[in-house]
PDB file of N, CA and C in Angstrom:
ATOM      1  N   UNK A   1       0.930  -1.177   0.027  1.00  0.00           N
ATOM      2  CA  UNK A   1      -0.001   0.043  -0.064  1.00  0.00           C
ATOM      3  C   UNK A   1       0.970   1.335  -0.003  1.00  0.00           C
ATOM      4  N   UNK A   2       0.499   2.192  -0.903  1.00  0.00           N
ATOM      5  CA  UNK A   2       1.455   3.384  -0.907  1.00  0.00           C
ATOM      6  C   UNK A   2       0.321   4.652  -0.636  1.00  0.00           C
ATOM      7  N   UNK A   3       0.924   5.554   0.045  1.00  0.00           N
ATOM      8  CA  UNK A   3       0.168   6.710   0.324  1.00  0.00           C
ATOM      9  C   UNK A   3       0.719   7.880  -0.274  1.00  0.00           C
ATOM     10  N   UNK A   4      -0.009   8.901  -0.886  1.00  0.00           N
ATOM     11  CA  UNK A   4       0.636  10.029  -1.497  1.00  0.00           C
ATOM     12  C   UNK A   4      -0.107  11.266  -0.883  1.00  0.00           C
ATOM     13  N   UNK A   5       0.514  12.325  -0.606  1.00  0.00           N
ATOM     14  CA  UNK A   5      -0.017  13.494  -0.183  1.00  0.00           C
ATOM     15  C   UNK A   5       0.290  14.408  -1.133  1.00  0.00           C
ATOM     16  N   UNK A   6      -0.657  15.328  -1.571  1.00  0.00           N
ATOM     17  CA  UNK A   6      -0.627  16.468  -2.560  1.00  0.00           C
ATOM     18  C   UNK A   6      -1.041  17.717  -1.858  1.00  0.00           C
ATOM     19  N   UNK A   7      -0.354  18.694  -1.936  1.00  0.00           N
ATOM     20  CA  UNK A   7      -0.425  20.037  -1.251  1.00  0.00           C
ATOM     21  C   UNK A   7      -0.675  21.113  -2.408  1.00  0.00           C
ATOM     22  N   UNK A   8      -1.700  21.888  -2.276  1.00  0.00           N
ATOM     23  CA  UNK A   8      -2.041  22.973  -3.139  1.00  0.00           C
ATOM     24  C   UNK A   8      -1.968  24.269  -2.350  1.00  0.00           C
ATOM     25  N   UNK A   9      -0.889  24.946  -2.675  1.00  0.00           N
ATOM     26  CA  UNK A   9      -0.745  26.216  -2.022  1.00  0.00           C
ATOM     27  C   UNK A   9      -1.655  27.294  -2.213  1.00  0.00           C
ATOM     28  N   UNK A  10      -2.300  27.245  -3.476  1.00  0.00           N
ATOM     29  CA  UNK A  10      -3.265  28.351  -3.688  1.00  0.00           C
ATOM     30  C   UNK A  10      -2.941  29.756  -3.397  1.00  0.00           C
ATOM     31  N   UNK A  11      -3.841  30.860  -3.787  1.00  0.00           N
ATOM     32  CA  UNK A  11      -3.463  32.140  -3.475  1.00  0.00           C
ATOM     33  C   UNK A  11      -4.403  32.635  -2.325  1.00  0.00           C
ATOM     34  N   UNK A  12      -5.504  32.269  -2.142  1.00  0.00           N
ATOM     35  CA  UNK A  12      -6.500  32.613  -0.998  1.00  0.00           C
ATOM     36  C   UNK A  12      -6.382  31.689  -0.024  1.00  0.00           C
ATOM     37  N   UNK A  13      -6.700  30.391  -0.347  1.00  0.00           N
ATOM     38  CA  UNK A  13      -6.624  29.064   0.609  1.00  0.00           C
ATOM     39  C   UNK A  13      -5.689  28.146   0.009  1.00  0.00           C
ATOM     40  N   UNK A  14      -5.281  27.205   1.009  1.00  0.00           N
ATOM     41  CA  UNK A  14      -4.526  26.091   0.759  1.00  0.00           C
ATOM     42  C   UNK A  14      -5.311  24.955   0.748  1.00  0.00           C
ATOM     43  N   UNK A  15      -4.833  23.725   0.224  1.00  0.00           N
ATOM     44  CA  UNK A  15      -5.635  22.528   0.164  1.00  0.00           C
ATOM     45  C   UNK A  15      -4.591  21.464   0.132  1.00  0.00           C
ATOM     46  N   UNK A  16      -5.148  20.252   0.469  1.00  0.00           N
ATOM     47  CA  UNK A  16      -4.493  19.091   0.423  1.00  0.00           C
ATOM     48  C   UNK A  16      -5.276  17.939  -0.049  1.00  0.00           C
ATOM     49  N   UNK A  17      -4.745  16.770  -0.491  1.00  0.00           N
ATOM     50  CA  UNK A  17      -5.468  15.476  -0.728  1.00  0.00           C
ATOM     51  C   UNK A  17      -4.312  14.348  -0.499  1.00  0.00           C
ATOM     52  N   UNK A  18      -4.981  13.427   0.144  1.00  0.00           N
ATOM     53  CA  UNK A  18      -4.318  12.136   0.585  1.00  0.00           C
ATOM     54  C   UNK A  18      -5.000  11.088  -0.262  1.00  0.00           C
ATOM     55  N   UNK A  19      -4.227  10.212  -0.986  1.00  0.00           N
ATOM     56  CA  UNK A  19      -4.664   9.201  -1.709  1.00  0.00           C
ATOM     57  C   UNK A  19      -3.957   7.908  -1.501  1.00  0.00           C
ATOM     58  N   UNK A  20      -4.400   6.805  -1.689  1.00  0.00           N
ATOM     59  CA  UNK A  20      -3.825   5.624  -1.211  1.00  0.00           C
ATOM     60  C   UNK A  20      -3.962   4.661  -2.685  1.00  0.00           C
ATOM     61  N   UNK A  21      -2.758   4.205  -3.116  1.00  0.00           N
ATOM     62  CA  UNK A  21      -2.673   3.236  -4.236  1.00  0.00           C
ATOM     63  C   UNK A  21      -3.044   1.812  -3.654  1.00  0.00           C
ATOM     64  N   UNK A  22      -4.012   1.162  -3.992  1.00  0.00           N
ATOM     65  CA  UNK A  22      -4.130  -0.245  -3.558  1.00  0.00           C
ATOM     66  C   UNK A  22      -3.485  -1.218  -4.505  1.00  0.00           C
ATOM     67  N   UNK A  23      -3.191  -2.427  -3.915  1.00  0.00           N
ATOM     68  CA  UNK A  23      -2.319  -3.415  -4.799  1.00  0.00           C
ATOM     69  C   UNK A  23      -2.985  -3.771  -6.269  1.00  0.00           C
ATOM     70  N   UNK A  24      -4.141  -3.562  -6.400  1.00  0.00           N
ATOM     71  CA  UNK A  24      -4.764  -3.892  -7.667  1.00  0.00           C
ATOM     72  C   UNK A  24      -4.523  -2.615  -8.604  1.00  0.00           C
ATOM     73  N   UNK A  25      -4.016  -1.462  -8.254  1.00  0.00           N
ATOM     74  CA  UNK A  25      -3.789  -0.202  -9.063  1.00  0.00           C
ATOM     75  C   UNK A  25      -4.859   0.724  -8.802  1.00  0.00           C
ATOM     76  N   UNK A  26      -6.004   0.541  -8.022  1.00  0.00           N
ATOM     77  CA  UNK A  26      -6.917   1.496  -7.676  1.00  0.00           C
ATOM     78  C   UNK A  26      -6.386   2.450  -6.825  1.00  0.00           C
ATOM     79  N   UNK A  27      -6.965   3.814  -7.252  1.00  0.00           N
ATOM     80  CA  UNK A  27      -6.532   5.001  -6.196  1.00  0.00           C
ATOM     81  C   UNK A  27      -7.885   5.259  -5.475  1.00  0.00           C
ATOM     82  N   UNK A  28      -7.553   5.352  -4.148  1.00  0.00           N
ATOM     83  CA  UNK A  28      -8.813   5.732  -3.218  1.00  0.00           C
ATOM     84  C   UNK A  28      -8.505   7.010  -2.529  1.00  0.00           C
ATOM     85  N   UNK A  29      -9.449   7.881  -2.552  1.00  0.00           N
ATOM     86  CA  UNK A  29      -9.257   9.197  -1.800  1.00  0.00           C
ATOM     87  C   UNK A  29      -9.459   8.698  -0.200  1.00  0.00           C
ATOM     88  N   UNK A  30      -8.484   9.210   0.573  1.00  0.00           N
ATOM     89  CA  UNK A  30      -8.408   9.034   1.803  1.00  0.00           C
ATOM     90  C   UNK A  30      -8.850  10.211   2.649  1.00  0.00           C
ATOM     91  N   UNK A  31      -8.475  11.375   2.360  1.00  0.00           N
ATOM     92  CA  UNK A  31      -8.847  12.534   3.047  1.00  0.00           C
ATOM     93  C   UNK A  31      -8.369  13.732   2.101  1.00  0.00           C
ATOM     94  N   UNK A  32      -9.113  14.836   2.223  1.00  0.00           N
ATOM     95  CA  UNK A  32      -8.860  16.104   1.483  1.00  0.00           C
ATOM     96  C   UNK A  32      -9.496  17.217   2.199  1.00  0.00           C
ATOM     97  N   UNK A  33      -9.017  18.471   1.765  1.00  0.00           N
ATOM     98  CA  UNK A  33      -9.437  19.641   2.496  1.00  0.00           C
ATOM     99  C   UNK A  33      -8.832  20.867   2.100  1.00  0.00           C
TER     100      UNK A  33
END
């Protein structure tokens, strides 16, 4: 299992997304905001 964290610095607000790569290649959104 692999977890990837993406950060969007934005101009007015910032954001993030955390996704999990499953063994079968499926991407699953874990959290975002």
